[in-house]
Amino acid sequence: LQLIEVIEAHRGTYPTNERSFFSSIREVLRPHVDFSYMAKMVMGSYRKIATKEQQDLFAKVFRDGLIETYGRGLLSFDNEEILLTNRGPLKKGQRKIYVKQEIHGVDKTYPLSYTMRKKRTGKWMITNVTINGINLGKTLQNQFLQAAQKNSNDIDSVIASWANQTI
């Protein structure tokens, strides 16, 4: 509901209010999406050789790129119906769940699923998304790996190139 309010508040003046729009989306998503965890998974084995500063910078670049891409996509949202398709009780001690939804548009239905993990704090957060059968985490991890190989494993170059593109 908050996200829909952000979209409606910014739709009429976008893109002149782009910074405000993305900032508002970031604030709505921050408590629900574990961008740091996702960034580490995208870095794959390179996170083991990256410095803490590189990991932190990539997490920020990754988060901002994902929010910008997601935000632009949200602007096309126009009262589509979103249905939860796999509601069920959690098992005792369960720390990971897969949530499945369907977005019903005018002429097409898009499957959407996301993985949620229970953090040490007890809070559930989104850690991966699959849209229309495309696993975003795996796709982005492959892109990071290819970029690292192309740039002779120079993580700073990979981060700089990600900062200049939309995910």
N, C-alpha and C. Protein backbone atom coordinates (compact mmCIF):
# COMPACT_ATOMS: atom_id res chain seq x y z
N LEU A 1 0.82 -1.19 0.00
CA LEU A 1 0.00 0.00 0.00
C LEU A 1 0.87 1.26 0.00
N GLN A 2 1.91 1.27 0.83
CA GLN A 2 2.82 2.42 0.87
C GLN A 2 3.46 2.66 -0.49
N LEU A 3 3.85 1.57 -1.14
CA LEU A 3 4.51 1.66 -2.44
C LEU A 3 3.57 2.27 -3.48
N ILE A 4 2.33 1.85 -3.45
CA ILE A 4 1.34 2.40 -4.39
C ILE A 4 1.15 3.89 -4.14
N GLU A 5 1.15 4.29 -2.88
CA GLU A 5 1.02 5.71 -2.54
C GLU A 5 2.21 6.51 -3.08
N VAL A 6 3.42 5.94 -2.99
CA VAL A 6 4.61 6.61 -3.51
C VAL A 6 4.50 6.76 -5.03
N ILE A 7 4.06 5.70 -5.70
CA ILE A 7 3.92 5.75 -7.16
C ILE A 7 2.94 6.85 -7.54
N GLU A 8 1.79 6.86 -6.92
CA GLU A 8 0.75 7.85 -7.26
C GLU A 8 1.20 9.27 -6.95
N ALA A 9 1.94 9.45 -5.88
CA ALA A 9 2.41 10.78 -5.50
C ALA A 9 3.44 11.34 -6.48
N HIS A 10 4.17 10.46 -7.17
CA HIS A 10 5.26 10.90 -8.04
C HIS A 10 4.96 10.75 -9.53
N ARG A 11 3.95 9.99 -9.89
CA ARG A 11 3.69 9.66 -11.30
C ARG A 11 3.52 10.91 -12.17
N GLY A 12 2.76 11.87 -11.72
CA GLY A 12 2.45 13.04 -12.54
C GLY A 12 3.62 13.95 -12.84
N THR A 13 4.64 13.95 -11.99
CA THR A 13 5.77 14.85 -12.18
C THR A 13 7.08 14.13 -12.51
N TYR A 14 7.00 12.82 -12.71
CA TYR A 14 8.20 12.07 -13.08
C TYR A 14 8.53 12.40 -14.53
N PRO A 15 9.77 12.60 -14.94
CA PRO A 15 11.02 12.33 -14.24
C PRO A 15 11.63 13.54 -13.51
N THR A 16 10.95 14.67 -13.49
CA THR A 16 11.56 15.84 -12.83
C THR A 16 11.77 15.59 -11.34
N ASN A 17 11.01 14.66 -10.76
CA ASN A 17 11.13 14.36 -9.33
C ASN A 17 11.82 13.02 -9.09
N GLU A 18 12.64 12.59 -10.04
CA GLU A 18 13.25 11.26 -9.99
C GLU A 18 13.99 10.98 -8.68
N ARG A 19 14.78 11.90 -8.22
CA ARG A 19 15.55 11.68 -6.98
C ARG A 19 14.63 11.43 -5.79
N SER A 20 13.60 12.24 -5.69
CA SER A 20 12.63 12.11 -4.61
C SER A 20 11.89 10.77 -4.72
N PHE A 21 11.53 10.40 -5.93
CA PHE A 21 10.83 9.15 -6.19
C PHE A 21 11.67 7.96 -5.73
N PHE A 22 12.92 7.90 -6.20
CA PHE A 22 13.79 6.78 -5.83
C PHE A 22 14.08 6.76 -4.33
N SER A 23 14.25 7.93 -3.74
CA SER A 23 14.48 8.02 -2.30
C SER A 23 13.27 7.49 -1.52
N SER A 24 12.08 7.83 -1.98
CA SER A 24 10.85 7.36 -1.32
C SER A 24 10.72 5.85 -1.44
N ILE A 25 11.04 5.31 -2.61
CA ILE A 25 10.98 3.86 -2.80
C ILE A 25 11.98 3.17 -1.88
N ARG A 26 13.20 3.73 -1.81
CA ARG A 26 14.23 3.15 -0.95
C ARG A 26 13.75 3.09 0.51
N GLU A 27 13.09 4.14 0.98
CA GLU A 27 12.61 4.16 2.36
C GLU A 27 11.50 3.13 2.60
N VAL A 28 10.65 2.92 1.60
CA VAL A 28 9.59 1.92 1.74
C VAL A 28 10.18 0.51 1.74
N LEU A 29 11.17 0.27 0.88
CA LEU A 29 11.73 -1.08 0.72
C LEU A 29 12.77 -1.44 1.79
N ARG A 30 13.46 -0.45 2.32
CA ARG A 30 14.57 -0.70 3.26
C ARG A 30 14.24 -1.69 4.38
N PRO A 31 13.09 -1.60 5.03
CA PRO A 31 12.81 -2.55 6.11
C PRO A 31 12.44 -3.96 5.62
N HIS A 32 12.22 -4.11 4.32
CA HIS A 32 11.70 -5.39 3.81
C HIS A 32 12.66 -6.14 2.89
N VAL A 33 13.65 -5.45 2.34
CA VAL A 33 14.57 -6.05 1.37
C VAL A 33 15.98 -5.99 1.93
N ASP A 34 16.65 -7.13 1.97
CA ASP A 34 18.01 -7.20 2.49
C ASP A 34 19.00 -6.99 1.34
N PHE A 35 19.18 -5.71 0.98
CA PHE A 35 20.04 -5.37 -0.15
C PHE A 35 21.48 -5.81 0.08
N SER A 36 21.98 -5.72 1.31
CA SER A 36 23.36 -6.11 1.61
C SER A 36 23.57 -7.60 1.35
N TYR A 37 22.63 -8.42 1.82
CA TYR A 37 22.72 -9.86 1.59
C TYR A 37 22.68 -10.16 0.09
N MET A 38 21.76 -9.51 -0.61
CA MET A 38 21.63 -9.73 -2.05
C MET A 38 22.92 -9.34 -2.77
N ALA A 39 23.51 -8.22 -2.39
CA ALA A 39 24.74 -7.77 -3.03
C ALA A 39 25.87 -8.78 -2.81
N LYS A 40 25.95 -9.33 -1.60
CA LYS A 40 26.99 -10.34 -1.32
C LYS A 40 26.78 -11.58 -2.19
N MET A 41 25.53 -11.99 -2.36
CA MET A 41 25.25 -13.16 -3.20
C MET A 41 25.59 -12.87 -4.66
N VAL A 42 25.32 -11.66 -5.11
CA VAL A 42 25.64 -11.29 -6.50
C VAL A 42 27.15 -11.28 -6.70
N MET A 43 27.90 -10.82 -5.72
CA MET A 43 29.36 -10.82 -5.83
C MET A 43 29.92 -12.24 -5.88
N GLY A 44 29.16 -13.20 -5.37
CA GLY A 44 29.61 -14.60 -5.40
C GLY A 44 30.94 -14.76 -4.69
N SER A 45 31.83 -15.54 -5.28
CA SER A 45 33.12 -15.82 -4.65
C SER A 45 34.00 -14.58 -4.58
N TYR A 46 33.70 -13.55 -5.36
CA TYR A 46 34.50 -12.32 -5.32
C TYR A 46 34.33 -11.57 -4.00
N ARG A 47 33.27 -11.84 -3.26
CA ARG A 47 33.12 -11.14 -1.98
C ARG A 47 34.20 -11.57 -1.00
N LYS A 48 34.78 -12.76 -1.22
CA LYS A 48 35.84 -13.23 -0.32
C LYS A 48 37.15 -12.49 -0.53
N ILE A 49 37.36 -11.96 -1.75
CA ILE A 49 38.60 -11.24 -2.01
C ILE A 49 38.40 -9.72 -1.99
N ALA A 50 37.14 -9.30 -1.95
CA ALA A 50 36.84 -7.86 -1.90
C ALA A 50 37.10 -7.33 -0.50
N THR A 51 37.55 -6.10 -0.44
CA THR A 51 37.73 -5.45 0.86
C THR A 51 36.35 -5.10 1.42
N LYS A 52 36.29 -4.76 2.69
CA LYS A 52 35.04 -4.34 3.32
C LYS A 52 34.50 -3.09 2.60
N GLU A 53 35.41 -2.18 2.24
CA GLU A 53 35.01 -0.96 1.54
C GLU A 53 34.39 -1.28 0.18
N GLN A 54 35.01 -2.23 -0.55
CA GLN A 54 34.47 -2.63 -1.85
C GLN A 54 33.10 -3.29 -1.68
N GLN A 55 32.97 -4.14 -0.67
CA GLN A 55 31.68 -4.79 -0.42
C GLN A 55 30.61 -3.76 -0.10
N ASP A 56 30.94 -2.81 0.75
CA ASP A 56 29.98 -1.76 1.13
C ASP A 56 29.60 -0.88 -0.07
N LEU A 57 30.60 -0.51 -0.86
CA LEU A 57 30.33 0.32 -2.03
C LEU A 57 29.47 -0.44 -3.04
N PHE A 58 29.79 -1.71 -3.27
CA PHE A 58 28.98 -2.49 -4.21
C PHE A 58 27.55 -2.63 -3.68
N ALA A 59 27.39 -2.85 -2.39
CA ALA A 59 26.04 -2.98 -1.82
C ALA A 59 25.23 -1.71 -2.09
N LYS A 60 25.86 -0.55 -1.96
CA LYS A 60 25.16 0.72 -2.22
C LYS A 60 24.85 0.87 -3.71
N VAL A 61 25.82 0.61 -4.56
CA VAL A 61 25.62 0.71 -6.01
C VAL A 61 24.55 -0.28 -6.46
N PHE A 62 24.61 -1.49 -5.93
CA PHE A 62 23.64 -2.53 -6.27
C PHE A 62 22.23 -2.09 -5.84
N ARG A 63 22.11 -1.63 -4.59
CA ARG A 63 20.82 -1.19 -4.06
C ARG A 63 20.24 -0.05 -4.91
N ASP A 64 21.06 0.95 -5.18
CA ASP A 64 20.58 2.10 -5.94
C ASP A 64 20.16 1.71 -7.35
N GLY A 65 20.94 0.84 -7.99
CA GLY A 65 20.60 0.39 -9.34
C GLY A 65 19.32 -0.41 -9.37
N LEU A 66 19.16 -1.28 -8.38
CA LEU A 66 17.96 -2.10 -8.30
C LEU A 66 16.73 -1.23 -8.04
N ILE A 67 16.86 -0.26 -7.17
CA ILE A 67 15.74 0.62 -6.85
C ILE A 67 15.35 1.47 -8.07
N GLU A 68 16.33 1.95 -8.80
CA GLU A 68 16.03 2.75 -9.99
C GLU A 68 15.31 1.90 -11.05
N THR A 69 15.80 0.71 -11.28
CA THR A 69 15.16 -0.18 -12.27
C THR A 69 13.76 -0.55 -11.82
N TYR A 70 13.63 -0.93 -10.57
CA TYR A 70 12.33 -1.32 -10.01
C TYR A 70 11.37 -0.13 -10.04
N GLY A 71 11.88 1.04 -9.66
CA GLY A 71 11.05 2.24 -9.63
C GLY A 71 10.51 2.60 -11.00
N ARG A 72 11.35 2.53 -12.01
CA ARG A 72 10.88 2.82 -13.37
C ARG A 72 9.81 1.82 -13.79
N GLY A 73 10.01 0.56 -13.42
CA GLY A 73 9.01 -0.45 -13.73
C GLY A 73 7.69 -0.20 -13.00
N LEU A 74 7.78 0.26 -11.77
CA LEU A 74 6.58 0.53 -10.98
C LEU A 74 5.72 1.63 -11.58
N LEU A 75 6.34 2.55 -12.29
CA LEU A 75 5.57 3.63 -12.89
C LEU A 75 4.56 3.11 -13.91
N SER A 76 4.82 1.93 -14.45
CA SER A 76 3.87 1.36 -15.41
C SER A 76 2.75 0.59 -14.70
N PHE A 77 2.86 0.44 -13.38
CA PHE A 77 1.82 -0.22 -12.60
C PHE A 77 0.56 0.62 -12.65
N ASP A 78 -0.53 0.02 -13.08
CA ASP A 78 -1.77 0.78 -13.24
C ASP A 78 -2.95 -0.06 -12.76
N ASN A 79 -3.04 -0.21 -11.45
CA ASN A 79 -4.15 -0.94 -10.84
C ASN A 79 -4.23 -2.41 -11.23
N GLU A 80 -3.09 -3.01 -11.57
CA GLU A 80 -3.09 -4.44 -11.81
C GLU A 80 -3.41 -5.14 -10.49
N GLU A 81 -3.92 -6.34 -10.61
CA GLU A 81 -4.25 -7.11 -9.42
C GLU A 81 -3.08 -8.02 -9.08
N ILE A 82 -2.69 -8.02 -7.81
CA ILE A 82 -1.60 -8.88 -7.35
C ILE A 82 -2.19 -9.89 -6.38
N LEU A 83 -2.01 -11.17 -6.72
CA LEU A 83 -2.56 -12.25 -5.90
C LEU A 83 -1.45 -13.08 -5.29
N LEU A 84 -1.57 -13.40 -4.02
CA LEU A 84 -0.68 -14.32 -3.34
C LEU A 84 -1.20 -15.71 -3.63
N THR A 85 -0.33 -16.60 -4.15
CA THR A 85 -0.81 -17.91 -4.58
C THR A 85 -0.40 -19.08 -3.70
N ASN A 86 0.43 -18.87 -2.72
CA ASN A 86 0.87 -20.00 -1.90
C ASN A 86 0.85 -19.70 -0.40
N ARG A 87 -0.23 -19.17 0.05
CA ARG A 87 -0.36 -18.84 1.47
C ARG A 87 -0.42 -20.13 2.29
N GLY A 88 0.32 -20.17 3.38
CA GLY A 88 0.30 -21.33 4.25
C GLY A 88 1.03 -21.04 5.54
N PRO A 89 0.86 -21.89 6.53
CA PRO A 89 1.51 -21.65 7.82
C PRO A 89 3.01 -21.96 7.76
N LEU A 90 3.76 -21.25 8.57
CA LEU A 90 5.19 -21.52 8.68
C LEU A 90 5.40 -22.73 9.58
N LYS A 91 6.44 -23.48 9.27
CA LYS A 91 6.81 -24.61 10.11
C LYS A 91 7.70 -24.09 11.24
N LYS A 92 7.64 -24.76 12.36
CA LYS A 92 8.46 -24.36 13.51
C LYS A 92 9.94 -24.38 13.11
N GLY A 93 10.63 -23.31 13.40
CA GLY A 93 12.06 -23.21 13.11
C GLY A 93 12.38 -22.85 11.66
N GLN A 94 11.37 -22.66 10.84
CA GLN A 94 11.61 -22.33 9.44
C GLN A 94 12.28 -20.97 9.33
N ARG A 95 13.35 -20.90 8.50
CA ARG A 95 14.12 -19.67 8.36
C ARG A 95 14.12 -19.13 6.94
N LYS A 96 13.46 -19.85 6.03
CA LYS A 96 13.45 -19.44 4.63
C LYS A 96 12.10 -19.82 4.03
N ILE A 97 11.50 -18.90 3.30
CA ILE A 97 10.24 -19.20 2.63
C ILE A 97 10.26 -18.66 1.20
N TYR A 98 9.45 -19.28 0.37
CA TYR A 98 9.27 -18.83 -1.01
C TYR A 98 7.84 -18.32 -1.14
N VAL A 99 7.71 -17.07 -1.49
CA VAL A 99 6.41 -16.45 -1.64
C VAL A 99 6.11 -16.35 -3.14
N LYS A 100 4.95 -16.85 -3.53
CA LYS A 100 4.58 -16.80 -4.95
C LYS A 100 3.38 -15.89 -5.12
N GLN A 101 3.48 -15.04 -6.15
CA GLN A 101 2.40 -14.12 -6.48
C GLN A 101 2.16 -14.15 -7.98
N GLU A 102 1.03 -13.61 -8.36
CA GLU A 102 0.73 -13.40 -9.77
C GLU A 102 0.28 -11.95 -9.91
N ILE A 103 0.82 -11.30 -10.93
CA ILE A 103 0.39 -9.94 -11.24
C ILE A 103 -0.49 -10.05 -12.48
N HIS A 104 -1.75 -9.73 -12.32
CA HIS A 104 -2.71 -9.83 -13.42
C HIS A 104 -2.87 -8.48 -14.08
N GLY A 105 -2.35 -8.37 -15.31
CA GLY A 105 -2.49 -7.15 -16.09
C GLY A 105 -3.72 -7.24 -16.97
N VAL A 106 -3.85 -6.30 -17.86
CA VAL A 106 -5.01 -6.26 -18.76
C VAL A 106 -5.08 -7.51 -19.62
N ASP A 107 -3.94 -7.92 -20.19
CA ASP A 107 -3.96 -9.04 -21.13
C ASP A 107 -2.96 -10.14 -20.82
N LYS A 108 -2.29 -10.06 -19.67
CA LYS A 108 -1.28 -11.06 -19.36
C LYS A 108 -1.12 -11.21 -17.85
N THR A 109 -0.71 -12.40 -17.44
CA THR A 109 -0.41 -12.66 -16.04
C THR A 109 1.09 -12.92 -15.91
N TYR A 110 1.72 -12.24 -14.96
CA TYR A 110 3.15 -12.38 -14.73
C TYR A 110 3.38 -13.07 -13.40
N PRO A 111 4.09 -14.21 -13.40
CA PRO A 111 4.43 -14.84 -12.13
C PRO A 111 5.58 -14.10 -11.46
N LEU A 112 5.47 -13.94 -10.17
CA LEU A 112 6.50 -13.27 -9.38
C LEU A 112 6.68 -14.10 -8.11
N SER A 113 7.92 -14.38 -7.78
CA SER A 113 8.16 -15.04 -6.51
C SER A 113 9.39 -14.42 -5.87
N TYR A 114 9.44 -14.53 -4.58
CA TYR A 114 10.61 -14.03 -3.89
C TYR A 114 10.93 -14.93 -2.70
N THR A 115 12.21 -14.93 -2.39
CA THR A 115 12.71 -15.69 -1.25
C THR A 115 12.83 -14.74 -0.08
N MET A 116 12.36 -15.20 1.07
CA MET A 116 12.50 -14.42 2.30
C MET A 116 13.27 -15.26 3.31
N ARG A 117 14.14 -14.61 4.03
CA ARG A 117 14.92 -15.28 5.08
C ARG A 117 14.67 -14.59 6.40
N LYS A 118 14.64 -15.40 7.42
CA LYS A 118 14.48 -14.86 8.77
C LYS A 118 15.85 -14.46 9.29
N LYS A 119 16.00 -13.20 9.62
CA LYS A 119 17.27 -12.67 10.12
C LYS A 119 17.44 -13.05 11.59
N ARG A 120 18.62 -12.84 12.12
CA ARG A 120 18.90 -13.13 13.53
C ARG A 120 17.99 -12.33 14.45
N THR A 121 17.57 -11.18 13.96
CA THR A 121 16.69 -10.30 14.74
C THR A 121 15.26 -10.85 14.80
N GLY A 122 14.97 -11.88 13.99
CA GLY A 122 13.63 -12.42 13.93
C GLY A 122 12.79 -11.81 12.82
N LYS A 123 13.33 -10.80 12.16
CA LYS A 123 12.61 -10.12 11.08
C LYS A 123 12.80 -10.89 9.76
N TRP A 124 11.73 -10.99 8.98
CA TRP A 124 11.78 -11.62 7.66
C TRP A 124 12.10 -10.55 6.62
N MET A 125 13.06 -10.87 5.72
CA MET A 125 13.42 -9.91 4.67
C MET A 125 13.57 -10.63 3.33
N ILE A 126 13.26 -9.92 2.27
CA ILE A 126 13.40 -10.45 0.92
C ILE A 126 14.88 -10.53 0.57
N THR A 127 15.30 -11.70 0.02
CA THR A 127 16.70 -11.88 -0.33
C THR A 127 16.90 -12.28 -1.80
N ASN A 128 15.82 -12.52 -2.52
CA ASN A 128 15.93 -12.80 -3.96
C ASN A 128 14.55 -12.68 -4.58
N VAL A 129 14.54 -12.40 -5.88
CA VAL A 129 13.29 -12.24 -6.61
C VAL A 129 13.40 -12.99 -7.93
N THR A 130 12.31 -13.65 -8.30
CA THR A 130 12.20 -14.29 -9.61
C THR A 130 10.99 -13.70 -10.31
N ILE A 131 11.22 -13.10 -11.46
CA ILE A 131 10.15 -12.45 -12.21
C ILE A 131 9.98 -13.18 -13.53
N ASN A 132 8.77 -13.66 -13.75
CA ASN A 132 8.44 -14.33 -15.01
C ASN A 132 9.44 -15.44 -15.32
N GLY A 133 9.86 -16.17 -14.29
CA GLY A 133 10.77 -17.29 -14.45
C GLY A 133 12.25 -16.93 -14.46
N ILE A 134 12.58 -15.66 -14.37
CA ILE A 134 13.98 -15.23 -14.39
C ILE A 134 14.43 -14.94 -12.96
N ASN A 135 15.39 -15.72 -12.49
CA ASN A 135 15.94 -15.57 -11.15
C ASN A 135 16.90 -14.38 -11.16
N LEU A 136 16.46 -13.28 -10.56
CA LEU A 136 17.25 -12.05 -10.58
C LEU A 136 18.61 -12.24 -9.92
N GLY A 137 18.66 -12.92 -8.80
CA GLY A 137 19.93 -13.13 -8.10
C GLY A 137 20.94 -13.88 -8.95
N LYS A 138 20.53 -14.96 -9.57
CA LYS A 138 21.43 -15.76 -10.42
C LYS A 138 21.86 -14.97 -11.65
N THR A 139 20.91 -14.26 -12.26
CA THR A 139 21.22 -13.48 -13.45
C THR A 139 22.26 -12.41 -13.13
N LEU A 140 22.05 -11.68 -12.04
CA LEU A 140 22.98 -10.61 -11.67
C LEU A 140 24.33 -11.17 -11.21
N GLN A 141 24.31 -12.32 -10.56
CA GLN A 141 25.56 -12.95 -10.16
C GLN A 141 26.38 -13.33 -11.40
N ASN A 142 25.73 -13.87 -12.41
CA ASN A 142 26.43 -14.20 -13.66
C ASN A 142 26.99 -12.94 -14.32
N GLN A 143 26.23 -11.85 -14.29
CA GLN A 143 26.71 -10.59 -14.86
C GLN A 143 27.94 -10.08 -14.11
N PHE A 144 27.91 -10.20 -12.78
CA PHE A 144 29.06 -9.75 -11.99
C PHE A 144 30.28 -10.61 -12.33
N LEU A 145 30.10 -11.92 -12.39
CA LEU A 145 31.19 -12.84 -12.71
C LEU A 145 31.79 -12.51 -14.08
N GLN A 146 30.94 -12.32 -15.08
CA GLN A 146 31.43 -11.99 -16.42
C GLN A 146 32.16 -10.66 -16.44
N ALA A 147 31.63 -9.68 -15.73
CA ALA A 147 32.28 -8.37 -15.68
C ALA A 147 33.64 -8.47 -14.99
N ALA A 148 33.72 -9.26 -13.93
CA ALA A 148 34.99 -9.43 -13.21
C ALA A 148 36.02 -10.11 -14.11
N GLN A 149 35.60 -11.14 -14.83
CA GLN A 149 36.52 -11.84 -15.74
C GLN A 149 36.98 -10.92 -16.87
N LYS A 150 36.05 -10.14 -17.40
CA LYS A 150 36.36 -9.21 -18.50
C LYS A 150 37.33 -8.13 -18.04
N ASN A 151 37.27 -7.75 -16.76
CA ASN A 151 38.12 -6.70 -16.21
C ASN A 151 39.29 -7.25 -15.40
N SER A 152 39.75 -8.44 -15.74
CA SER A 152 40.90 -9.07 -15.08
C SER A 152 40.76 -9.12 -13.57
N ASN A 153 39.54 -9.42 -13.09
CA ASN A 153 39.23 -9.54 -11.67
C ASN A 153 39.41 -8.25 -10.88
N ASP A 154 39.37 -7.11 -11.56
CA ASP A 154 39.48 -5.81 -10.92
C ASP A 154 38.10 -5.41 -10.39
N ILE A 155 37.88 -5.65 -9.12
CA ILE A 155 36.58 -5.42 -8.50
C ILE A 155 36.19 -3.94 -8.56
N ASP A 156 37.16 -3.04 -8.40
CA ASP A 156 36.86 -1.61 -8.48
C ASP A 156 36.29 -1.25 -9.85
N SER A 157 36.83 -1.83 -10.92
CA SER A 157 36.32 -1.56 -12.27
C SER A 157 34.90 -2.11 -12.43
N VAL A 158 34.65 -3.27 -11.87
CA VAL A 158 33.31 -3.86 -11.95
C VAL A 158 32.31 -2.97 -11.24
N ILE A 159 32.67 -2.53 -10.05
CA ILE A 159 31.76 -1.67 -9.28
C ILE A 159 31.51 -0.36 -10.03
N ALA A 160 32.55 0.22 -10.60
CA ALA A 160 32.40 1.47 -11.34
C ALA A 160 31.48 1.27 -12.56
N SER A 161 31.62 0.14 -13.23
CA SER A 161 30.75 -0.10 -14.40
C SER A 161 29.31 -0.32 -13.97
N TRP A 162 29.08 -0.96 -12.83
CA TRP A 162 27.72 -1.15 -12.32
C TRP A 162 27.12 0.18 -11.93
N ALA A 163 27.94 1.08 -11.43
CA ALA A 163 27.44 2.38 -11.00
C ALA A 163 26.95 3.21 -12.19
N ASN A 164 27.46 2.90 -13.37
CA ASN A 164 27.09 3.66 -14.56
C ASN A 164 26.04 2.99 -15.43
N GLN A 165 25.40 1.97 -14.92
CA GLN A 165 24.37 1.28 -15.70
C GLN A 165 23.14 1.05 -14.83
N THR A 166 22.05 0.78 -15.47
CA THR A 166 20.83 0.41 -14.77
C THR A 166 20.74 -1.10 -14.81
N ILE A 167 20.42 -1.70 -13.68
CA ILE A 167 20.33 -3.15 -13.59
C ILE A 167 19.15 -3.64 -14.39
